Amino acid sequence: MMLKRIVRSVLLKSGSIYVTSLYLTGLSFGGSIKTLFISAVTLSLVNMFVRPLVKIVMLPINFLTLGLFSWFINVLMLYLTTTLVPNFSISAFSTTKFTYQSFYIPSFEFGFLGSFIAISFFISLVYSFLAWLVD
């Protein structure tokens, strides 16, 4: 049962990292499927074993911020993954403006911390969507 959970998590994480790298240029895994797989395994294991410990330690802060500090924990786990996996990196990036009829989204520039936050959010969003599709 535990192995099935790990394999499912790794496959969904690798898909979400790949999709995120297609849309957000700040995420890079060197174009190697091996690096993509290793980063997905590392991120899954970090989220499975390290994240619960960090959440317990940071519980008072998370309680005071009404759960908003959990975003920082996600970013911290992603940063830990980038330090553990070579060729898996996150850098500052900018987006282009988007217009469709009367709908307009201006261009944004994300710094180092902003890029980690945006990419962490996008990976979580894609992961949740893929998990919903699989279930």
C-alpha atoms as a PDB file:
ATOM      1  CA  MET A   1       0.000   0.000   0.000  1.00  0.00           C
ATOM      2  CA  MET A   2       2.811   2.410   0.879  1.00  0.00           C
ATOM      3  CA  LEU A   3       4.705   1.601  -2.338  1.00  0.00           C
ATOM      4  CA  LYS A   4       1.598   2.268  -4.417  1.00  0.00           C
ATOM      5  CA  ARG A   5       1.228   5.661  -2.722  1.00  0.00           C
ATOM      6  CA  ILE A   6       4.873   6.542  -3.413  1.00  0.00           C
ATOM      7  CA  VAL A   7       4.710   5.472  -7.072  1.00  0.00           C
ATOM      8  CA  ARG A   8       1.482   7.426  -7.592  1.00  0.00           C
ATOM      9  CA  SER A   9       2.988  10.497  -5.953  1.00  0.00           C
ATOM     10  CA  VAL A  10       6.162  10.274  -8.044  1.00  0.00           C
ATOM     11  CA  LEU A  11       4.250   9.932 -11.304  1.00  0.00           C
ATOM     12  CA  LEU A  12       1.930  12.814 -10.481  1.00  0.00           C
ATOM     13  CA  LYS A  13       4.813  15.009  -9.271  1.00  0.00           C
ATOM     14  CA  SER A  14       6.822  14.327 -12.417  1.00  0.00           C
ATOM     15  CA  GLY A  15       3.831  15.250 -14.549  1.00  0.00           C
ATOM     16  CA  SER A  16       3.188  18.409 -12.575  1.00  0.00           C
ATOM     17  CA  ILE A  17       6.870  19.448 -12.703  1.00  0.00           C
ATOM     18  CA  TYR A  18       6.930  18.862 -16.461  1.00  0.00           C
ATOM     19  CA  VAL A  19       3.738  20.843 -17.081  1.00  0.00           C
ATOM     20  CA  THR A  20       4.974  23.649 -14.837  1.00  0.00           C
ATOM     21  CA  SER A  21       8.264  23.807 -16.726  1.00  0.00           C
ATOM     22  CA  LEU A  22       6.321  24.220 -19.965  1.00  0.00           C
ATOM     23  CA  TYR A  23       4.457  27.294 -18.736  1.00  0.00           C
ATOM     24  CA  LEU A  24       6.821  28.929 -16.238  1.00  0.00           C
ATOM     25  CA  THR A  25      10.303  29.501 -17.617  1.00  0.00           C
ATOM     26  CA  GLY A  26      11.890  29.813 -14.182  1.00  0.00           C
ATOM     27  CA  LEU A  27      11.710  26.049 -13.589  1.00  0.00           C
ATOM     28  CA  SER A  28      14.431  24.006 -15.252  1.00  0.00           C
ATOM     29  CA  PHE A  29      15.344  20.355 -14.973  1.00  0.00           C
ATOM     30  CA  GLY A  30      17.983  20.331 -17.697  1.00  0.00           C
ATOM     31  CA  GLY A  31      15.694  18.702 -20.265  1.00  0.00           C
ATOM     32  CA  SER A  32      16.622  15.265 -18.957  1.00  0.00           C
ATOM     33  CA  ILE A  33      13.936  12.746 -18.114  1.00  0.00           C
ATOM     34  CA  LYS A  34      16.308  11.264 -15.552  1.00  0.00           C
ATOM     35  CA  THR A  35      16.598  14.604 -13.747  1.00  0.00           C
ATOM     36  CA  LEU A  36      12.821  15.051 -13.952  1.00  0.00           C
ATOM     37  CA  PHE A  37      12.271  11.636 -12.388  1.00  0.00           C
ATOM     38  CA  ILE A  38      14.924  12.158  -9.687  1.00  0.00           C
ATOM     39  CA  SER A  39      13.448  15.547  -8.780  1.00  0.00           C
ATOM     40  CA  ALA A  40       9.952  14.039  -8.601  1.00  0.00           C
ATOM     41  CA  VAL A  41      11.204  11.225  -6.348  1.00  0.00           C
ATOM     42  CA  THR A  42      13.063  13.693  -4.137  1.00  0.00           C
ATOM     43  CA  LEU A  43      10.109  16.079  -3.893  1.00  0.00           C
ATOM     44  CA  SER A  44       7.754  13.206  -3.078  1.00  0.00           C
ATOM     45  CA  LEU A  45      10.042  11.824  -0.379  1.00  0.00           C
ATOM     46  CA  VAL A  46      10.683  15.278   1.088  1.00  0.00           C
ATOM     47  CA  ASN A  47       6.936  15.925   1.212  1.00  0.00           C
ATOM     48  CA  MET A  48       6.334  12.509   2.737  1.00  0.00           C
ATOM     49  CA  PHE A  49       8.995  12.513   5.458  1.00  0.00           C
ATOM     50  CA  VAL A  50      10.393  16.018   6.074  1.00  0.00           C
ATOM     51  CA  ARG A  51       7.239  18.082   5.610  1.00  0.00           C
ATOM     52  CA  PRO A  52       5.297  16.526   8.532  1.00  0.00           C
ATOM     53  CA  LEU A  53       8.182  17.294  10.882  1.00  0.00           C
ATOM     54  CA  VAL A  54       8.402  20.898   9.685  1.00  0.00           C
ATOM     55  CA  LYS A  55       4.633  21.278  10.001  1.00  0.00           C
ATOM     56  CA  ILE A  56       4.753  20.089  13.614  1.00  0.00           C
ATOM     57  CA  VAL A  57       7.593  22.460  14.476  1.00  0.00           C
ATOM     58  CA  MET A  58       5.895  25.390  12.723  1.00  0.00           C
ATOM     59  CA  LEU A  59       2.409  24.607  14.060  1.00  0.00           C
ATOM     60  CA  PRO A  60       2.178  27.680  16.342  1.00  0.00           C
ATOM     61  CA  ILE A  61       3.154  30.047  13.508  1.00  0.00           C
ATOM     62  CA  ASN A  62       0.778  28.298  11.122  1.00  0.00           C
ATOM     63  CA  PHE A  63      -1.990  28.601  13.704  1.00  0.00           C
ATOM     64  CA  LEU A  64      -1.347  32.327  14.199  1.00  0.00           C
ATOM     65  CA  THR A  65      -1.375  32.998  10.444  1.00  0.00           C
ATOM     66  CA  LEU A  66      -4.553  30.934   9.984  1.00  0.00           C
ATOM     67  CA  GLY A  67      -2.845  28.413   7.725  1.00  0.00           C
ATOM     68  CA  LEU A  68      -1.107  30.867   5.407  1.00  0.00           C
ATOM     69  CA  PHE A  69       2.289  29.752   6.661  1.00  0.00           C
ATOM     70  CA  SER A  70       1.743  26.394   4.960  1.00  0.00           C
ATOM     71  CA  TRP A  71       2.568  28.183   1.692  1.00  0.00           C
ATOM     72  CA  PHE A  72       6.006  28.909   3.111  1.00  0.00           C
ATOM     73  CA  ILE A  73       6.408  25.245   4.058  1.00  0.00           C
ATOM     74  CA  ASN A  74       5.642  24.242   0.437  1.00  0.00           C
ATOM     75  CA  VAL A  75       8.237  26.716  -0.791  1.00  0.00           C
ATOM     76  CA  LEU A  76      10.742  25.401   1.744  1.00  0.00           C
ATOM     77  CA  MET A  77      10.228  21.806   0.545  1.00  0.00           C
ATOM     78  CA  LEU A  78      10.724  22.920  -3.060  1.00  0.00           C
ATOM     79  CA  TYR A  79      13.891  24.786  -2.091  1.00  0.00           C
ATOM     80  CA  LEU A  80      15.173  21.696  -0.300  1.00  0.00           C
ATOM     81  CA  THR A  81      14.538  19.674  -3.452  1.00  0.00           C
ATOM     82  CA  THR A  82      16.472  22.149  -5.601  1.00  0.00           C
ATOM     83  CA  THR A  83      19.440  21.917  -3.246  1.00  0.00           C
ATOM     84  CA  LEU A  84      19.416  18.104  -3.238  1.00  0.00           C
ATOM     85  CA  VAL A  85      18.969  17.490  -6.976  1.00  0.00           C
ATOM     86  CA  PRO A  86      21.635  18.727  -9.397  1.00  0.00           C
ATOM     87  CA  ASN A  87      20.368  20.330 -12.645  1.00  0.00           C
ATOM     88  CA  PHE A  88      16.969  20.989 -11.048  1.00  0.00           C
ATOM     89  CA  SER A  89      16.797  24.724 -10.546  1.00  0.00           C
ATOM     90  CA  ILE A  90      14.427  27.605 -10.084  1.00  0.00           C
ATOM     91  CA  SER A  91      15.434  31.081 -11.163  1.00  0.00           C
ATOM     92  CA  ALA A  92      13.867  34.508 -11.501  1.00  0.00           C
ATOM     93  CA  PHE A  93      11.632  34.898 -14.532  1.00  0.00           C
ATOM     94  CA  SER A  94       9.102  37.211 -16.118  1.00  0.00           C
ATOM     95  CA  THR A  95       5.810  36.570 -17.844  1.00  0.00           C
ATOM     96  CA  THR A  96       4.420  38.213 -20.932  1.00  0.00           C
ATOM     97  CA  LYS A  97       1.204  40.167 -21.018  1.00  0.00           C
ATOM     98  CA  PHE A  98      -1.944  38.350 -22.036  1.00  0.00           C
ATOM     99  CA  THR A  99      -4.943  39.920 -23.731  1.00  0.00           C
ATOM    100  CA  TYR A 100      -8.103  38.299 -24.965  1.00  0.00           C
ATOM    101  CA  GLN A 101     -10.964  40.536 -26.063  1.00  0.00           C
ATOM    102  CA  SER A 102     -11.421  42.818 -23.032  1.00  0.00           C
ATOM    103  CA  PHE A 103      -9.541  40.543 -20.617  1.00  0.00           C
ATOM    104  CA  TYR A 104      -6.019  41.798 -19.813  1.00  0.00           C
ATOM    105  CA  ILE A 105      -3.272  40.374 -17.614  1.00  0.00           C
ATOM    106  CA  PRO A 106      -0.142  42.537 -17.437  1.00  0.00           C
ATOM    107  CA  SER A 107       3.362  41.122 -17.521  1.00  0.00           C
ATOM    108  CA  PHE A 108       4.966  40.253 -14.191  1.00  0.00           C
ATOM    109  CA  GLU A 109       8.553  39.903 -13.072  1.00  0.00           C
ATOM    110  CA  PHE A 110       9.231  37.376 -10.345  1.00  0.00           C
ATOM    111  CA  GLY A 111      12.372  37.601  -8.242  1.00  0.00           C
ATOM    112  CA  PHE A 112      14.054  34.669  -6.561  1.00  0.00           C
ATOM    113  CA  LEU A 113      11.555  34.246  -3.716  1.00  0.00           C
ATOM    114  CA  GLY A 114       8.594  35.181  -5.913  1.00  0.00           C
ATOM    115  CA  SER A 115       9.568  32.559  -8.456  1.00  0.00           C
ATOM    116  CA  PHE A 116       9.707  29.880  -5.744  1.00  0.00           C
ATOM    117  CA  ILE A 117       6.250  30.927  -4.522  1.00  0.00           C
ATOM    118  CA  ALA A 118       4.731  31.017  -8.025  1.00  0.00           C
ATOM    119  CA  ILE A 119       6.270  27.718  -9.103  1.00  0.00           C
ATOM    120  CA  SER A 120       5.307  26.018  -5.835  1.00  0.00           C
ATOM    121  CA  PHE A 121       1.734  27.227  -6.279  1.00  0.00           C
ATOM    122  CA  PHE A 122       1.601  26.078  -9.898  1.00  0.00           C
ATOM    123  CA  ILE A 123       3.087  22.647  -9.106  1.00  0.00           C
ATOM    124  CA  SER A 124       0.513  22.198  -6.320  1.00  0.00           C
ATOM    125  CA  LEU A 125      -2.300  23.288  -8.614  1.00  0.00           C
ATOM    126  CA  VAL A 126      -1.302  20.921 -11.427  1.00  0.00           C
ATOM    127  CA  TYR A 127      -0.682  18.083  -8.941  1.00  0.00           C
ATOM    128  CA  SER A 128      -4.156  18.529  -7.455  1.00  0.00           C
ATOM    129  CA  PHE A 129      -5.715  18.549 -10.911  1.00  0.00           C
ATOM    130  CA  LEU A 130      -3.845  15.406 -11.993  1.00  0.00           C
ATOM    131  CA  ALA A 131      -4.749  13.657  -8.725  1.00  0.00           C
ATOM    132  CA  TRP A 132      -8.385  14.572  -9.324  1.00  0.00           C
ATOM    133  CA  LEU A 133      -8.180  13.102 -12.837  1.00  0.00           C
ATOM    134  CA  VAL A 134      -6.663   9.850 -11.589  1.00  0.00           C
ATOM    135  CA  ASP A 135      -9.186   9.331  -8.778  1.00  0.00           C
END
